[in-house]
Protein backbone atom coordinates (compact mmCIF):
# COMPACT_ATOMS: atom_id res chain seq x y z
CA MET A 1 -22.27 -51.76 30.37
CA MET A 2 -20.50 -54.67 32.01
CA THR A 3 -22.49 -57.89 32.04
CA ASN A 4 -23.30 -58.81 35.61
CA ASN A 5 -23.18 -62.56 36.14
CA ASP A 6 -23.20 -62.41 39.93
CA ASP A 7 -26.22 -64.71 40.30
CA ILE A 8 -24.58 -67.34 38.10
CA PHE A 9 -21.36 -67.09 40.11
CA GLU A 10 -23.13 -67.52 43.44
CA ALA A 11 -25.40 -70.32 42.21
CA LYS A 12 -22.67 -72.42 40.60
CA ALA A 13 -19.45 -71.63 42.44
CA LEU A 14 -20.58 -71.49 46.06
CA ARG A 15 -21.94 -73.70 48.76
CA GLY A 16 -22.76 -71.05 51.30
CA LYS A 17 -23.27 -67.31 51.46
CA LEU A 18 -20.70 -64.69 50.56
CA PRO A 19 -19.87 -61.89 53.00
CA ALA A 20 -21.51 -58.62 52.08
CA PRO A 21 -19.68 -55.43 51.14
CA PRO A 22 -19.64 -52.86 53.96
CA THR A 23 -22.52 -50.42 54.37
CA PHE A 24 -22.29 -46.88 55.66
CA THR A 25 -24.55 -44.54 57.59
CA THR A 26 -23.31 -41.46 55.73
CA LYS A 27 -21.66 -40.64 52.41
CA VAL A 28 -18.84 -38.97 54.32
CA GLU A 29 -18.07 -42.26 56.06
CA GLU A 30 -18.20 -44.08 52.72
CA ARG A 31 -15.75 -41.56 51.26
CA GLU A 32 -13.30 -42.14 54.07
CA TYR A 33 -13.53 -45.89 53.57
CA ILE A 34 -12.95 -45.83 49.82
CA LYS A 35 -9.96 -43.51 50.29
CA PHE A 36 -8.50 -45.99 52.78
CA ARG A 37 -9.23 -48.87 50.39
CA LEU A 38 -7.81 -47.08 47.36
CA ALA A 39 -4.58 -46.32 49.19
CA GLN A 40 -4.38 -50.01 50.09
CA ALA A 41 -4.89 -50.90 46.42
CA PHE A 42 -1.86 -48.81 45.46
CA ARG A 43 0.29 -50.52 48.06
CA ILE A 44 -0.88 -53.92 46.80
CA PHE A 45 0.12 -52.91 43.27
CA GLY A 46 3.46 -51.71 44.58
CA ASN A 47 4.03 -55.04 46.31
CA HIS A 48 3.29 -56.82 43.02
CA GLY A 49 5.87 -54.68 41.22
CA TYR A 50 3.41 -52.82 39.01
CA ASP A 51 5.23 -49.53 39.47
CA GLU A 52 7.27 -48.07 36.61
CA GLY A 53 8.69 -44.69 37.54
CA LEU A 54 6.01 -42.03 37.26
CA ALA A 55 3.62 -44.23 35.28
CA GLY A 56 0.43 -45.84 36.52
CA HIS A 57 -2.78 -44.79 38.22
CA ILE A 58 -5.89 -46.13 39.91
CA THR A 59 -9.02 -44.04 40.27
CA VAL A 60 -12.24 -44.48 42.22
CA ARG A 61 -15.46 -42.53 41.80
CA ASP A 62 -16.33 -40.29 44.74
CA PRO A 63 -19.56 -41.31 46.52
CA ILE A 64 -20.47 -37.71 47.36
CA ARG A 65 -19.58 -36.05 44.07
CA SER A 66 -20.14 -38.71 41.46
CA ASP A 67 -18.71 -36.45 38.76
CA CYS A 68 -15.33 -36.51 40.53
CA PHE A 69 -12.77 -39.21 41.26
CA TRP A 70 -9.88 -39.91 43.60
CA VAL A 71 -6.44 -40.57 42.12
CA ASN A 72 -2.82 -40.89 43.19
CA PRO A 73 -0.60 -37.80 43.07
CA PHE A 74 2.14 -37.60 40.47
CA GLY A 75 5.55 -38.66 41.75
CA LEU A 76 4.66 -40.66 44.88
CA HIS A 77 5.56 -44.37 44.81
CA PHE A 78 2.66 -46.81 45.02
CA LYS A 79 4.09 -48.39 48.19
CA LEU A 80 4.03 -45.07 50.04
CA ILE A 81 0.50 -43.90 49.26
CA GLN A 82 -1.81 -43.20 52.20
CA PRO A 83 -5.41 -41.89 52.16
CA GLU A 84 -4.33 -38.31 52.89
CA ASP A 85 -2.11 -38.33 49.78
CA LEU A 86 -4.97 -38.90 47.34
CA LEU A 87 -6.32 -36.15 45.09
CA LEU A 88 -9.99 -35.46 44.40
CA VAL A 89 -10.30 -34.36 40.76
CA ASP A 90 -13.27 -33.16 38.76
CA HIS A 91 -13.88 -33.97 35.10
CA THR A 92 -12.25 -30.76 33.95
CA GLY A 93 -8.97 -31.60 35.67
CA ASN A 94 -9.26 -29.37 38.73
CA ILE A 95 -7.82 -30.65 42.02
CA LEU A 96 -10.43 -29.97 44.69
CA GLU A 97 -8.05 -29.15 47.52
CA GLU A 98 -10.71 -28.29 50.08
CA GLU A 99 -12.24 -31.75 49.79
CA SER A 100 -8.98 -33.64 49.24
CA GLY A 101 -8.14 -32.94 52.86
CA GLN A 102 -4.49 -31.94 52.52
CA LYS A 103 -3.05 -28.88 50.82
CA ASP A 104 0.61 -29.00 51.71
CA GLY A 105 3.46 -31.18 50.56
CA PRO A 106 5.32 -31.84 47.30
CA TYR A 107 2.92 -34.46 45.94
CA ARG A 108 -0.10 -32.38 44.96
CA ILE A 109 0.38 -32.76 41.21
CA LEU A 110 -2.10 -34.41 38.85
CA ASN A 111 -0.75 -36.75 36.18
CA THR A 112 -2.18 -35.47 32.88
CA ALA A 113 -2.37 -38.99 31.43
CA ALA A 114 -4.30 -40.19 34.49
CA PHE A 115 -6.83 -37.43 34.03
CA MET A 116 -7.18 -37.85 30.27
CA ILE A 117 -7.73 -41.60 30.45
CA HIS A 118 -9.77 -41.95 33.61
CA SER A 119 -12.02 -38.92 33.26
CA THR A 120 -13.33 -40.21 29.93
CA ILE A 121 -13.85 -43.71 31.29
CA HIS A 122 -15.71 -42.54 34.39
CA SER A 123 -17.83 -40.21 32.25
CA ALA A 124 -18.68 -42.85 29.65
CA ARG A 125 -19.18 -45.72 32.07
CA PRO A 126 -21.33 -44.95 35.13
CA ASP A 127 -20.97 -48.62 36.12
CA VAL A 128 -17.19 -48.29 36.51
CA MET A 129 -16.45 -47.31 40.10
CA CYS A 130 -12.73 -48.08 39.94
CA ALA A 131 -10.28 -48.17 37.03
CA ALA A 132 -6.59 -49.12 37.02
CA HIS A 133 -3.83 -48.70 34.46
CA THR A 134 -0.15 -49.48 34.97
CA HIS A 135 2.87 -50.47 32.93
CA SER A 136 3.19 -53.93 34.47
CA LEU A 137 5.89 -56.20 33.04
CA TYR A 138 3.94 -58.94 31.29
CA GLY A 139 1.11 -56.62 30.31
CA LYS A 140 3.60 -54.43 28.46
CA ALA A 141 5.21 -57.43 26.79
CA PHE A 142 1.89 -58.90 25.70
CA SER A 143 0.60 -55.52 24.52
CA ALA A 144 3.37 -55.44 21.92
CA LEU A 145 1.64 -58.32 20.10
CA GLY A 146 -1.51 -56.29 19.46
CA ILE A 147 -3.80 -59.29 20.03
CA GLU A 148 -6.46 -60.43 22.48
CA LEU A 149 -5.92 -63.15 25.04
CA ASP A 150 -6.66 -66.72 23.98
CA PRO A 151 -8.87 -68.93 26.18
CA ILE A 152 -6.03 -71.31 27.03
CA THR A 153 -6.67 -71.61 30.78
CA GLN A 154 -9.63 -71.50 33.13
CA ASP A 155 -8.33 -68.24 34.60
CA ALA A 156 -7.98 -66.59 31.19
CA CYS A 157 -11.65 -67.36 30.54
CA ALA A 158 -12.54 -64.59 33.03
CA PHE A 159 -11.74 -62.25 30.14
CA PHE A 160 -13.33 -64.24 27.32
CA GLU A 161 -15.42 -61.82 25.26
CA ASP A 162 -14.92 -59.30 28.08
CA HIS A 163 -11.76 -57.54 26.98
CA THR A 164 -10.54 -55.81 23.87
CA VAL A 165 -7.42 -54.30 22.30
CA TYR A 166 -6.72 -50.66 21.52
CA ASN A 167 -4.65 -51.16 18.39
CA GLN A 168 -2.91 -47.81 18.34
CA TYR A 169 -0.04 -46.12 20.10
CA ASN A 170 0.13 -42.35 19.72
CA GLY A 171 2.54 -41.54 22.54
CA PRO A 172 1.76 -40.56 26.15
CA VAL A 173 -1.92 -39.71 26.65
CA PHE A 174 -1.81 -35.92 26.96
CA GLU A 175 -4.87 -35.11 24.83
CA GLU A 176 -8.58 -35.56 25.55
CA GLN A 177 -9.13 -37.11 22.12
CA GLU A 178 -6.72 -39.96 22.91
CA GLY A 179 -8.36 -40.58 26.27
CA GLY A 180 -11.71 -40.73 24.52
CA ALA A 181 -10.37 -43.21 21.99
CA ILE A 182 -9.22 -45.50 24.81
CA ALA A 183 -12.62 -45.26 26.51
CA THR A 184 -14.28 -46.10 23.20
CA ALA A 185 -11.99 -49.10 22.76
CA LEU A 186 -12.88 -50.33 26.24
CA GLY A 187 -16.57 -50.11 25.30
CA ASN A 188 -18.71 -52.18 27.67
CA LYS A 189 -15.87 -54.56 28.63
CA LYS A 190 -13.96 -54.73 31.89
CA ALA A 191 -10.48 -54.64 30.36
CA VAL A 192 -8.54 -53.30 27.42
CA ILE A 193 -5.01 -54.12 26.30
CA LEU A 194 -3.36 -50.89 25.15
CA GLN A 195 -1.04 -51.80 22.29
CA ASN A 196 2.64 -51.05 23.03
CA HIS A 197 1.55 -49.56 26.34
CA GLY A 198 0.02 -51.79 29.01
CA LEU A 199 -3.23 -52.90 30.63
CA LEU A 200 -6.36 -51.14 31.82
CA VAL A 201 -9.15 -52.64 33.94
CA GLY A 202 -12.39 -51.02 35.09
CA THR A 203 -14.99 -52.64 37.36
CA SER A 204 -17.72 -51.94 39.89
CA SER A 205 -15.46 -52.08 42.97
CA ILE A 206 -11.91 -51.44 44.10
CA GLU A 207 -11.51 -55.08 45.09
CA ALA A 208 -12.68 -56.43 41.74
CA THR A 209 -10.41 -54.06 39.86
CA VAL A 210 -7.40 -55.17 41.90
CA HIS A 211 -8.23 -58.84 41.37
CA PHE A 212 -8.93 -58.63 37.66
CA TYR A 213 -5.86 -56.49 37.02
CA ILE A 214 -3.66 -59.08 38.74
CA ALA A 215 -5.49 -61.87 36.88
CA LEU A 216 -5.04 -60.12 33.53
CA GLU A 217 -1.34 -59.56 34.13
CA ARG A 218 -0.91 -63.24 34.98
CA ALA A 219 -2.95 -64.33 31.97
CA CYS A 220 -0.62 -62.31 29.77
CA GLN A 221 2.36 -63.99 31.40
CA VAL A 222 0.89 -67.46 30.93
CA GLN A 223 0.09 -66.89 27.27
CA LEU A 224 3.59 -65.56 26.57
CA LEU A 225 5.02 -68.72 28.17
CA ALA A 226 2.56 -71.08 26.49
CA ASP A 227 2.95 -69.55 23.03
CA SER A 228 6.72 -69.76 23.32
CA ALA A 229 6.59 -73.40 24.39
CA ALA A 230 4.02 -74.30 21.73
CA ALA A 231 6.17 -72.84 18.98
CA ASN A 232 8.78 -75.50 19.73
CA GLN A 233 6.80 -78.44 21.04
CA CYS A 234 3.21 -78.54 19.69
CA PRO A 235 1.89 -79.62 16.29
CA GLY A 236 1.56 -76.52 14.16
CA GLY A 237 3.20 -74.48 16.89
CA LYS A 238 -0.19 -73.61 18.46
CA THR A 239 -1.61 -73.92 21.96
CA VAL A 240 -4.82 -75.86 22.63
CA LYS A 241 -7.77 -73.48 23.06
CA ILE A 242 -10.81 -74.05 25.28
CA HIS A 243 -13.97 -74.45 23.18
CA PRO A 244 -15.80 -71.10 22.90
CA ASP A 245 -18.97 -72.44 24.55
CA ASN A 246 -17.00 -73.70 27.55
CA ALA A 247 -14.88 -70.56 27.68
CA ARG A 248 -18.01 -68.39 27.61
CA GLU A 249 -19.71 -70.32 30.43
CA THR A 250 -16.53 -70.32 32.51
CA GLY A 251 -16.18 -66.59 31.94
CA ARG A 252 -19.71 -65.96 33.17
CA ILE A 253 -18.63 -67.48 36.49
CA MET A 254 -14.94 -66.54 36.84
CA GLY A 255 -15.44 -63.09 35.35
CA ALA A 256 -18.45 -62.01 37.40
CA GLN A 257 -18.12 -58.74 39.30
CA ARG A 258 -19.00 -60.47 42.56
CA ALA A 259 -16.34 -63.10 41.93
CA GLY A 260 -13.81 -60.35 41.37
CA TRP A 261 -14.85 -58.54 44.54
CA PHE A 262 -14.64 -61.70 46.64
CA SER A 263 -11.29 -62.74 45.13
CA GLY A 264 -9.90 -59.26 45.65
CA LEU A 265 -10.72 -59.41 49.37
CA MET A 266 -7.89 -61.90 49.81
CA GLU A 267 -5.29 -59.41 48.56
CA PHE A 268 -6.53 -56.83 51.05
CA SER A 269 -6.58 -59.37 53.89
CA VAL A 270 -2.95 -60.25 53.24
CA LEU A 271 -1.95 -56.59 53.19
CA GLU A 272 -3.80 -55.92 56.44
CA ARG A 273 -2.10 -58.87 58.13
CA GLU A 274 1.33 -57.72 56.92
CA GLU A 275 0.82 -54.06 57.84
CA GLY A 276 -1.24 -54.62 60.97
CA VAL A 277 -3.66 -51.88 59.90
CA ARG A 278 -7.36 -52.18 59.13
CA TYR A 279 -10.05 -49.58 58.57
CA LYS A 280 -11.62 -48.50 61.83
CA CYS A 281 -15.33 -47.90 61.50
CA LYS A 282 -16.52 -44.77 63.28
């Protein structure tokens, strides 16, 4: 399971106390909140340009039925997704219409790839509440190299020894076996680079998943830029790497789940200011 370095993050990075995640009086209220938050996450991804036609999905484990997860419907743009659009899906691929809350409309289709990838991850990793996979620009470009990220910046260290590469591409993920292979490649890490495909991040909260996905996409962009510059300007054509001991310690702080949750809050705050909509507690 994911290493939790929350205590190290709070002890070393803070001078003060972090806000606490919301609490709920009922599981029904918690479900409504995570649906609202997940829909926000899609709109944040849309604003960052992580859409690519029909591709891409974010899932979150249901608090009432832990063997089920919420996911975006096939064919609806990230920027348009609202809580009532989300689908509740079990681990056999059934859309639970009665609990999804809306039966009508053209966007009640489950993306097979979303189910095949995310169902295996949620089954194998009880610690993963939220998982995201899209075909973001720099993630796709970097995935074509078939390599892990180098610790060349402080931000990249958030993924030091906490990501891996799935070094295969067998076409769109339409089979359970392929979804299982991706989950196996992810292992106990929080991210996997899918060769010739894109990025996948799974964490303990929606906010942390949003933050670390954005951070991973940017780390891919930075390494592409740095490697290109180094090829022409640095001795041996190589970038300067952070020493493994320093990268590891930095990763324990920057890559903590609590750090991801707190960092992700800023993305949601910006969206709420721009849209003028926040979750209204009952």
